[in-house]
C-alpha atoms as a PDB file:
ATOM      1  CA  MET A   1      26.538 -36.866 -46.319  1.00  0.00           C
ATOM      2  CA  LEU A   2      22.848 -37.146 -47.132  1.00  0.00           C
ATOM      3  CA  LEU A   3      21.513 -38.590 -50.350  1.00  0.00           C
ATOM      4  CA  ARG A   4      18.062 -38.729 -51.961  1.00  0.00           C
ATOM      5  CA  ALA A   5      16.834 -41.735 -53.912  1.00  0.00           C
ATOM      6  CA  LEU A   6      15.368 -40.576 -57.218  1.00  0.00           C
ATOM      7  CA  ARG A   7      14.030 -44.088 -57.768  1.00  0.00           C
ATOM      8  CA  LYS A   8      13.089 -46.872 -55.377  1.00  0.00           C
ATOM      9  CA  LEU A   9      16.179 -48.869 -54.432  1.00  0.00           C
ATOM     10  CA  ASN A  10      16.027 -52.616 -53.786  1.00  0.00           C
ATOM     11  CA  ILE A  11      17.670 -52.166 -50.385  1.00  0.00           C
ATOM     12  CA  GLY A  12      14.599 -50.770 -48.627  1.00  0.00           C
ATOM     13  CA  ILE A  13      14.949 -47.156 -49.720  1.00  0.00           C
ATOM     14  CA  GLU A  14      11.835 -45.626 -51.245  1.00  0.00           C
ATOM     15  CA  GLN A  15      11.721 -43.122 -54.105  1.00  0.00           C
ATOM     16  CA  TYR A  16      12.573 -39.583 -52.880  1.00  0.00           C
ATOM     17  CA  GLU A  17      13.607 -40.885 -49.444  1.00  0.00           C
ATOM     18  CA  VAL A  18      16.503 -39.066 -47.790  1.00  0.00           C
ATOM     19  CA  PHE A  19      19.153 -41.389 -46.339  1.00  0.00           C
ATOM     20  CA  LYS A  20      22.676 -41.307 -44.932  1.00  0.00           C
ATOM     21  CA  SER A  21      25.451 -42.238 -47.341  1.00  0.00           C
ATOM     22  CA  SER A  22      26.644 -44.826 -44.819  1.00  0.00           C
ATOM     23  CA  ARG A  23      23.734 -47.081 -45.872  1.00  0.00           C
ATOM     24  CA  ILE A  24      25.522 -47.873 -49.139  1.00  0.00           C
ATOM     25  CA  SER A  25      29.171 -48.286 -50.090  1.00  0.00           C
ATOM     26  CA  LYS A  26      31.203 -45.434 -51.576  1.00  0.00           C
ATOM     27  CA  LYS A  27      31.570 -47.388 -54.829  1.00  0.00           C
ATOM     28  CA  THR A  28      27.804 -47.947 -55.060  1.00  0.00           C
ATOM     29  CA  SER A  29      27.006 -44.315 -54.301  1.00  0.00           C
ATOM     30  CA  ASP A  30      29.473 -43.146 -56.973  1.00  0.00           C
ATOM     31  CA  ILE A  31      27.813 -45.410 -59.553  1.00  0.00           C
ATOM     32  CA  LEU A  32      24.264 -44.411 -58.567  1.00  0.00           C
ATOM     33  CA  LEU A  33      25.180 -40.707 -58.555  1.00  0.00           C
ATOM     34  CA  ALA A  34      26.727 -41.006 -62.020  1.00  0.00           C
ATOM     35  CA  ARG A  35      23.598 -42.767 -63.331  1.00  0.00           C
ATOM     36  CA  GLY A  36      21.221 -40.210 -61.809  1.00  0.00           C
ATOM     37  CA  ILE A  37      19.548 -42.764 -59.556  1.00  0.00           C
ATOM     38  CA  ILE A  38      20.454 -40.850 -56.387  1.00  0.00           C
ATOM     39  CA  SER A  39      21.429 -37.236 -55.749  1.00  0.00           C
ATOM     40  CA  LEU A  40      23.096 -35.203 -53.060  1.00  0.00           C
ATOM     41  CA  VAL A  41      20.679 -33.430 -50.723  1.00  0.00           C
ATOM     42  CA  GLU A  42      20.883 -29.656 -50.852  1.00  0.00           C
ATOM     43  CA  ALA A  43      19.516 -28.751 -47.421  1.00  0.00           C
ATOM     44  CA  PRO A  44      18.399 -25.266 -46.373  1.00  0.00           C
ATOM     45  CA  PRO A  45      19.835 -23.544 -43.299  1.00  0.00           C
ATOM     46  CA  VAL A  46      18.317 -24.384 -39.929  1.00  0.00           C
ATOM     47  CA  ALA A  47      17.465 -20.685 -39.523  1.00  0.00           C
ATOM     48  CA  ALA A  48      15.114 -20.933 -42.530  1.00  0.00           C
ATOM     49  CA  SER A  49      13.373 -24.058 -41.242  1.00  0.00           C
ATOM     50  CA  GLY A  50      10.739 -22.436 -39.052  1.00  0.00           C
ATOM     51  CA  MET A  51      12.204 -23.945 -35.869  1.00  0.00           C
ATOM     52  CA  THR A  52      12.087 -21.699 -32.807  1.00  0.00           C
ATOM     53  CA  PRO A  53      14.901 -19.163 -32.406  1.00  0.00           C
ATOM     54  CA  GLU A  54      16.077 -20.962 -29.248  1.00  0.00           C
ATOM     55  CA  ILE A  55      16.459 -24.273 -31.096  1.00  0.00           C
ATOM     56  CA  VAL A  56      18.152 -22.567 -34.047  1.00  0.00           C
ATOM     57  CA  GLU A  57      20.600 -20.895 -31.655  1.00  0.00           C
ATOM     58  CA  ARG A  58      21.430 -24.217 -29.947  1.00  0.00           C
ATOM     59  CA  PHE A  59      22.051 -25.892 -33.294  1.00  0.00           C
ATOM     60  CA  GLU A  60      24.157 -23.044 -34.666  1.00  0.00           C
ATOM     61  CA  SER A  61      26.277 -22.836 -31.504  1.00  0.00           C
ATOM     62  CA  ALA A  62      27.000 -26.564 -31.979  1.00  0.00           C
ATOM     63  CA  GLY A  63      28.021 -26.045 -35.626  1.00  0.00           C
ATOM     64  CA  VAL A  64      24.778 -27.539 -36.955  1.00  0.00           C
ATOM     65  CA  ASN A  65      23.886 -25.132 -39.750  1.00  0.00           C
ATOM     66  CA  THR A  66      21.669 -27.009 -42.221  1.00  0.00           C
ATOM     67  CA  LEU A  67      18.810 -29.499 -41.962  1.00  0.00           C
ATOM     68  CA  ALA A  68      21.240 -32.129 -43.259  1.00  0.00           C
ATOM     69  CA  ASP A  69      23.538 -31.328 -40.324  1.00  0.00           C
ATOM     70  CA  VAL A  70      20.578 -31.825 -37.957  1.00  0.00           C
ATOM     71  CA  ILE A  71      19.979 -35.329 -39.302  1.00  0.00           C
ATOM     72  CA  GLU A  72      23.659 -36.229 -39.022  1.00  0.00           C
ATOM     73  CA  ALA A  73      24.241 -34.671 -35.567  1.00  0.00           C
ATOM     74  CA  GLU A  74      25.221 -37.114 -32.821  1.00  0.00           C
ATOM     75  CA  SER A  75      24.538 -34.718 -29.940  1.00  0.00           C
ATOM     76  CA  VAL A  76      23.875 -31.036 -29.277  1.00  0.00           C
ATOM     77  CA  ASP A  77      24.714 -29.265 -25.997  1.00  0.00           C
ATOM     78  CA  GLY A  78      21.617 -28.362 -24.017  1.00  0.00           C
ATOM     79  CA  MET A  79      19.428 -30.829 -25.915  1.00  0.00           C
ATOM     80  CA  THR A  80      18.336 -34.252 -24.706  1.00  0.00           C
ATOM     81  CA  ASP A  81      18.688 -37.309 -26.926  1.00  0.00           C
ATOM     82  CA  ALA A  82      14.880 -37.465 -27.168  1.00  0.00           C
ATOM     83  CA  GLU A  83      14.655 -33.810 -28.289  1.00  0.00           C
ATOM     84  CA  LEU A  84      17.375 -34.325 -30.881  1.00  0.00           C
ATOM     85  CA  LYS A  85      15.704 -37.490 -32.164  1.00  0.00           C
ATOM     86  CA  THR A  86      12.408 -35.610 -32.560  1.00  0.00           C
ATOM     87  CA  LEU A  87      14.095 -32.721 -34.369  1.00  0.00           C
ATOM     88  CA  LYS A  88      15.945 -35.160 -36.653  1.00  0.00           C
ATOM     89  CA  GLY A  89      12.545 -36.550 -37.634  1.00  0.00           C
ATOM     90  CA  VAL A  90      11.236 -33.037 -38.279  1.00  0.00           C
ATOM     91  CA  ALA A  91      14.275 -32.220 -40.432  1.00  0.00           C
ATOM     92  CA  SER A  92      13.930 -35.498 -42.344  1.00  0.00           C
ATOM     93  CA  ASP A  93      10.245 -34.800 -42.994  1.00  0.00           C
ATOM     94  CA  MET A  94      11.122 -31.321 -44.295  1.00  0.00           C
ATOM     95  CA  LEU A  95      13.639 -32.786 -46.742  1.00  0.00           C
ATOM     96  CA  THR A  96      11.469 -35.700 -47.899  1.00  0.00           C
ATOM     97  CA  VAL A  97       9.461 -35.291 -51.086  1.00  0.00           C
ATOM     98  CA  GLU A  98       6.146 -37.104 -51.325  1.00  0.00           C
ATOM     99  CA  VAL A  99       5.846 -39.546 -54.209  1.00  0.00           C
ATOM    100  CA  PRO A 100       3.101 -38.311 -56.551  1.00  0.00           C
ATOM    101  CA  LYS A 101       0.122 -40.658 -56.657  1.00  0.00           C
ATOM    102  CA  SER A 102      -0.720 -41.876 -60.127  1.00  0.00           C
ATOM    103  CA  LYS A 103      -4.385 -41.978 -61.078  1.00  0.00           C
ATOM    104  CA  CYS A 104      -3.767 -44.670 -63.653  1.00  0.00           C
ATOM    105  CA  GLY A 105      -1.885 -47.016 -61.308  1.00  0.00           C
ATOM    106  CA  CYS A 106       1.231 -46.883 -63.495  1.00  0.00           C
ATOM    107  CA  ARG A 107       4.745 -46.201 -62.222  1.00  0.00           C
ATOM    108  CA  ARG A 108       6.169 -42.730 -62.385  1.00  0.00           C
END
């Protein structure tokens, strides 16, 4: 499961960063979800990502249907580890929201 930090977390996770739920305990994630400090990532389908049709077909044939699935995939038939690692980075970038820069220097 992928989560998004809605605030900076003191464990090296920046605001709006997408991260795997395995980075924190189930108890911690339940508390942070309830307090609105993190949220579940609602990822679009791979087919809507702009990736080439060949890549989309490889992912879908492996049961990888959303960008979140891409990030969590361990391997995909017909794809090298290097290719998958690159595409995981692309998917992560697509799901990451840039932190707005404040002109006043204050926290948002």
